[in-house]
Amino acid sequence: LRCHAEGDPAPSTRCARDGGTHDSDTHDGGTRDMVTRADGGRYVCRATNRHGVAVRSVLVTVECERREGTPGG
């Protein structure tokens, strides 16, 4: 998931699965090539600069997953 925030000074951002201790598993550009139903859940985006913190969350539901050996997989 991509976490975007604007501010002055520019905030640092972090997106992590709720309850997790690590940032979400992303490649350059903020996306993953493959997701599974296990990747579903609540993700929290946090933007921080010297003026404070802004937090937003999103609930991700994976309805269909691509399997190895299928077209595009």
N, C-alpha and C. Protein backbone atom coordinates (compact mmCIF):
# COMPACT_ATOMS: atom_id res chain seq x y z
N LEU A 1 0.85 -1.18 0.00
CA LEU A 1 0.00 0.00 0.00
C LEU A 1 0.88 1.23 0.00
N ARG A 2 0.45 2.21 -0.70
CA ARG A 2 1.19 3.45 -0.77
C ARG A 2 0.61 4.43 0.25
N CYS A 3 1.47 5.03 1.01
CA CYS A 3 1.07 6.03 2.00
C CYS A 3 1.60 7.37 1.53
N HIS A 4 0.70 8.33 1.26
CA HIS A 4 1.11 9.64 0.75
C HIS A 4 0.59 10.72 1.68
N ALA A 5 1.48 11.66 2.01
CA ALA A 5 1.08 12.80 2.84
C ALA A 5 1.88 14.01 2.41
N GLU A 6 1.28 15.17 2.57
CA GLU A 6 1.96 16.43 2.28
C GLU A 6 2.00 17.26 3.54
N GLY A 7 3.02 18.09 3.66
CA GLY A 7 3.12 18.97 4.81
C GLY A 7 4.37 19.82 4.73
N ASP A 8 4.53 20.73 5.67
CA ASP A 8 5.70 21.59 5.74
C ASP A 8 6.17 21.63 7.18
N PRO A 9 7.26 20.96 7.48
CA PRO A 9 8.13 20.22 6.57
C PRO A 9 7.48 18.92 6.10
N ALA A 10 8.01 18.40 4.98
CA ALA A 10 7.48 17.15 4.41
C ALA A 10 7.52 16.05 5.47
N PRO A 11 6.41 15.35 5.67
CA PRO A 11 6.38 14.30 6.69
C PRO A 11 7.04 13.01 6.22
N SER A 12 7.51 12.23 7.16
CA SER A 12 7.91 10.87 6.87
C SER A 12 6.65 10.02 6.97
N THR A 13 6.57 8.97 6.17
CA THR A 13 5.37 8.13 6.18
C THR A 13 5.74 6.68 6.40
N ARG A 14 4.80 5.95 6.96
CA ARG A 14 4.97 4.52 7.20
C ARG A 14 3.61 3.86 7.08
N CYS A 15 3.58 2.73 6.39
CA CYS A 15 2.36 1.96 6.28
C CYS A 15 2.67 0.56 6.79
N ALA A 16 1.89 0.09 7.74
CA ALA A 16 2.14 -1.22 8.33
C ALA A 16 0.81 -1.91 8.61
N ARG A 17 0.85 -3.21 8.62
CA ARG A 17 -0.34 -3.98 8.98
C ARG A 17 -0.64 -3.72 10.45
N ASP A 18 -1.89 -3.48 10.77
CA ASP A 18 -2.29 -3.19 12.14
C ASP A 18 -1.88 -4.34 13.05
N GLY A 19 -1.20 -4.01 14.13
CA GLY A 19 -0.74 -5.02 15.06
C GLY A 19 0.60 -5.61 14.68
N GLY A 20 1.10 -5.26 13.48
CA GLY A 20 2.39 -5.78 13.03
C GLY A 20 3.52 -4.88 13.50
N THR A 21 4.71 -5.41 13.47
CA THR A 21 5.88 -4.64 13.89
C THR A 21 6.72 -4.18 12.71
N HIS A 22 6.37 -4.64 11.49
CA HIS A 22 7.17 -4.30 10.32
C HIS A 22 6.33 -3.54 9.32
N ASP A 23 7.02 -2.73 8.50
CA ASP A 23 6.33 -2.05 7.41
C ASP A 23 5.73 -3.08 6.47
N SER A 24 4.70 -2.66 5.73
CA SER A 24 4.10 -3.58 4.78
C SER A 24 5.15 -3.99 3.75
N ASP A 25 5.02 -5.18 3.24
CA ASP A 25 5.97 -5.74 2.28
C ASP A 25 5.69 -5.15 0.91
N THR A 26 6.49 -4.17 0.49
CA THR A 26 6.26 -3.52 -0.79
C THR A 26 7.52 -3.53 -1.63
N HIS A 27 7.33 -3.38 -2.93
CA HIS A 27 8.43 -3.21 -3.86
C HIS A 27 8.49 -1.72 -4.18
N ASP A 28 9.46 -1.29 -4.99
CA ASP A 28 9.53 0.11 -5.40
C ASP A 28 8.20 0.49 -6.02
N GLY A 29 7.71 1.65 -5.68
CA GLY A 29 6.43 2.11 -6.19
C GLY A 29 5.28 1.76 -5.27
N GLY A 30 5.53 1.02 -4.22
CA GLY A 30 4.52 0.77 -3.22
C GLY A 30 3.53 -0.32 -3.53
N THR A 31 3.86 -1.22 -4.47
CA THR A 31 2.92 -2.28 -4.78
C THR A 31 3.60 -3.64 -4.71
N ARG A 32 2.80 -4.67 -4.54
CA ARG A 32 3.30 -6.04 -4.57
C ARG A 32 2.80 -6.71 -5.84
N ASP A 33 3.60 -7.63 -6.36
CA ASP A 33 3.20 -8.34 -7.56
C ASP A 33 2.09 -9.35 -7.26
N MET A 34 2.19 -10.03 -6.13
CA MET A 34 1.24 -11.08 -5.79
C MET A 34 0.71 -10.85 -4.38
N VAL A 35 -0.58 -11.01 -4.21
CA VAL A 35 -1.18 -10.96 -2.88
C VAL A 35 -2.02 -12.20 -2.69
N THR A 36 -2.23 -12.57 -1.45
CA THR A 36 -3.09 -13.71 -1.14
C THR A 36 -4.13 -13.25 -0.14
N ARG A 37 -5.09 -14.11 0.14
CA ARG A 37 -6.11 -13.76 1.13
C ARG A 37 -5.50 -13.48 2.49
N ALA A 38 -4.35 -14.11 2.77
CA ALA A 38 -3.68 -13.88 4.06
C ALA A 38 -3.17 -12.44 4.19
N ASP A 39 -3.06 -11.71 3.08
CA ASP A 39 -2.62 -10.31 3.13
C ASP A 39 -3.74 -9.37 3.53
N GLY A 40 -4.96 -9.86 3.57
CA GLY A 40 -6.08 -9.02 3.97
C GLY A 40 -5.97 -8.62 5.43
N GLY A 41 -6.61 -7.54 5.77
CA GLY A 41 -6.60 -7.05 7.16
C GLY A 41 -6.57 -5.54 7.19
N ARG A 42 -6.43 -4.99 8.37
CA ARG A 42 -6.38 -3.54 8.54
C ARG A 42 -4.94 -3.08 8.44
N TYR A 43 -4.71 -2.05 7.62
CA TYR A 43 -3.39 -1.44 7.47
C TYR A 43 -3.47 0.00 7.95
N VAL A 44 -2.42 0.45 8.60
CA VAL A 44 -2.39 1.79 9.18
C VAL A 44 -1.28 2.60 8.52
N CYS A 45 -1.64 3.79 8.06
CA CYS A 45 -0.68 4.73 7.49
C CYS A 45 -0.45 5.84 8.51
N ARG A 46 0.82 6.15 8.75
CA ARG A 46 1.16 7.17 9.73
C ARG A 46 2.10 8.18 9.07
N ALA A 47 1.76 9.45 9.14
CA ALA A 47 2.60 10.54 8.63
C ALA A 47 3.06 11.37 9.83
N THR A 48 4.35 11.64 9.89
CA THR A 48 4.91 12.35 11.04
C THR A 48 5.85 13.46 10.60
N ASN A 49 5.69 14.63 11.20
CA ASN A 49 6.69 15.68 11.09
C ASN A 49 6.75 16.40 12.43
N ARG A 50 7.51 17.46 12.52
CA ARG A 50 7.71 18.11 13.82
C ARG A 50 6.44 18.72 14.40
N HIS A 51 5.41 18.87 13.58
CA HIS A 51 4.15 19.45 14.05
C HIS A 51 3.17 18.41 14.59
N GLY A 52 3.47 17.14 14.34
CA GLY A 52 2.57 16.13 14.87
C GLY A 52 2.49 14.88 14.01
N VAL A 53 1.42 14.13 14.23
CA VAL A 53 1.21 12.85 13.58
C VAL A 53 -0.21 12.79 13.04
N ALA A 54 -0.37 12.25 11.84
CA ALA A 54 -1.69 11.98 11.27
C ALA A 54 -1.75 10.48 10.99
N VAL A 55 -2.86 9.85 11.34
CA VAL A 55 -3.00 8.41 11.18
C VAL A 55 -4.31 8.10 10.46
N ARG A 56 -4.24 7.22 9.49
CA ARG A 56 -5.43 6.73 8.80
C ARG A 56 -5.30 5.23 8.65
N SER A 57 -6.44 4.54 8.58
CA SER A 57 -6.39 3.10 8.38
C SER A 57 -7.34 2.70 7.25
N VAL A 58 -7.04 1.55 6.67
CA VAL A 58 -7.87 1.01 5.60
C VAL A 58 -7.99 -0.49 5.81
N LEU A 59 -9.17 -1.02 5.52
CA LEU A 59 -9.40 -2.46 5.62
C LEU A 59 -9.27 -3.06 4.23
N VAL A 60 -8.33 -3.98 4.07
CA VAL A 60 -8.06 -4.62 2.78
C VAL A 60 -8.68 -6.01 2.79
N THR A 61 -9.47 -6.29 1.75
CA THR A 61 -10.05 -7.61 1.57
C THR A 61 -9.58 -8.15 0.23
N VAL A 62 -8.97 -9.31 0.22
CA VAL A 62 -8.52 -9.95 -1.01
C VAL A 62 -9.58 -10.98 -1.37
N GLU A 63 -10.33 -10.72 -2.44
CA GLU A 63 -11.42 -11.60 -2.82
C GLU A 63 -10.98 -12.71 -3.76
N CYS A 64 -9.96 -12.49 -4.53
CA CYS A 64 -9.49 -13.48 -5.50
C CYS A 64 -7.98 -13.41 -5.52
N GLU A 65 -7.35 -14.56 -5.50
CA GLU A 65 -5.89 -14.57 -5.56
C GLU A 65 -5.44 -15.33 -6.79
N ARG A 66 -4.36 -14.86 -7.37
CA ARG A 66 -3.79 -15.50 -8.55
C ARG A 66 -2.95 -16.69 -8.09
N ARG A 67 -3.09 -17.79 -8.74
CA ARG A 67 -2.33 -19.00 -8.36
C ARG A 67 -1.17 -19.18 -9.34
N GLU A 68 -0.09 -19.76 -8.83
CA GLU A 68 1.05 -20.08 -9.68
C GLU A 68 0.59 -20.97 -10.82
N GLY A 69 1.11 -20.72 -12.02
CA GLY A 69 0.78 -21.56 -13.17
C GLY A 69 -0.44 -21.11 -13.93
N THR A 70 -1.16 -20.09 -13.42
CA THR A 70 -2.31 -19.58 -14.16
C THR A 70 -1.86 -18.39 -14.98
N PRO A 71 -2.60 -18.02 -16.03
CA PRO A 71 -2.20 -16.87 -16.84
C PRO A 71 -1.95 -15.64 -15.96
N GLY A 72 -0.82 -15.01 -16.18
CA GLY A 72 -0.46 -13.85 -15.38
C GLY A 72 0.22 -14.25 -14.09
N GLY A 73 0.32 -15.53 -13.76
CA GLY A 73 0.90 -16.00 -12.52
C GLY A 73 2.18 -16.64 -12.77
